[in-house]
Amino acid sequence: VDKDALDTQVKDRKIQEAAEKARNEELANEMKQNDKIMCMLEERQKNYIRNINKAITEFQKNFQKPETRREFDLSDPQALKKDKPARLSDDDPRCTVSGLQKFMGEDLNYDERMKFQKEQLREWSLQQQRDWKNALADQKFADDLYDKNRIALDQKTMEQQRIEEENRRAVCAATKDFNRTQAAELAERKKLEKYQKMKDDMDEISSLLQGDLLSENPEQAVSSFGRHRVITDRWKGMNQDQLMAIRYSQQQQVLEKLRLKEEERQRDAEWDRQTIQVARAQLVLERHQQRQNRERRRALDNINAELSQEQKSKNIYLKKEAYSNFPTSQYYAQFNTTSR
């Protein structure tokens, strides 16, 4: 096992984790700063609209008074007090048909009817104000709920990232333990092979020293039944051909052992290659997960931006379109102000 390469991978992974953590913290700080800027811009827009409405009200109050209008004499609320009464009662003989002084809705109960109508309009105005306050309360509740949902979604995303980080750490720890176990097994196997080789060599040396190979004359050991047979108690040893055959057999054994060692070396190299491929695959998987996390974060930011834009548009529509037409006292004062 290439321990230096594994240590380098662990060090690189720690550097990547630190960089990713710093990048996530920077993104979180940037999101907080953007939220603060958004709140400041919304507050500035509210103040701007409030100042415009206040300026319009002041302008109408100072430069558009009812007394400055050309038709004020037709809508003067004090005109009836300044003029003589058109009739004394509903059955006044002066109220002829040609006089055009008595019409439906212009009887002497006009004051009571007007008072009732004003009271009714006042109730309507109060009801509109209550509806407006309820709408503002609902809007505030919806904004608070949206903020809570956004915070919950951010917390859920952070929890998911933390779980993925723990899973990656667990996988790295398992890989490290597996590599350590394989290294220990390889060292133990080499130790056993070395011990077996030494034992075989000692057995071979003992066999040669304790046998009859060096103690007898080969000519005396020749049997009368043929050269291919020997007398075992007189046999000194083998001739050169036999020794060459044995040496050839030993060379074959040596070549076989070398072949076995070469196969073992190739197996070890294949095992190392597979280990490196597993580490590379793990690194590719981590990079893929990082890209997915960045894409999910980018999609979440886009959704938050779209929701914020929709909320702004809705607020602007409510302030400029839905709740912009408020009746004033001048509007109610222009009805039923003449006697014809």
Foldseek 3Di string as FASTA:
>chain_A
DPVVVVVVLVVVVVVVVVVVVVVVVVVVVVVVVVVVVVVVVVVVVVVVVVVVVVVVVVCCVPPVDLVPDPCSCVLPLCNPVVDDDPADAPVGPSPDPVVLQDDPQRGPCVVVVVVVVVVVVVVVQVVVVVVVVVVVVVLVVVVVVVVVVLVVVVVVLVVVVVVVVVVLVVVSVVLVVVVVVVVVVVVVVVVVVVVVVVVVVVVVVVCVVPAQQQPADQVQQQDPVDNVGGNRVHHHHDDPVVVVVVVVVVVVVVVVVVVVVVVVVVVVVVVVVVSVVVSVVSVVVVVVVVVVSVVVVVVSVVVVVVVVVVSVVVVCCCPPPVPPDDDDPVVVSRPPRDSD
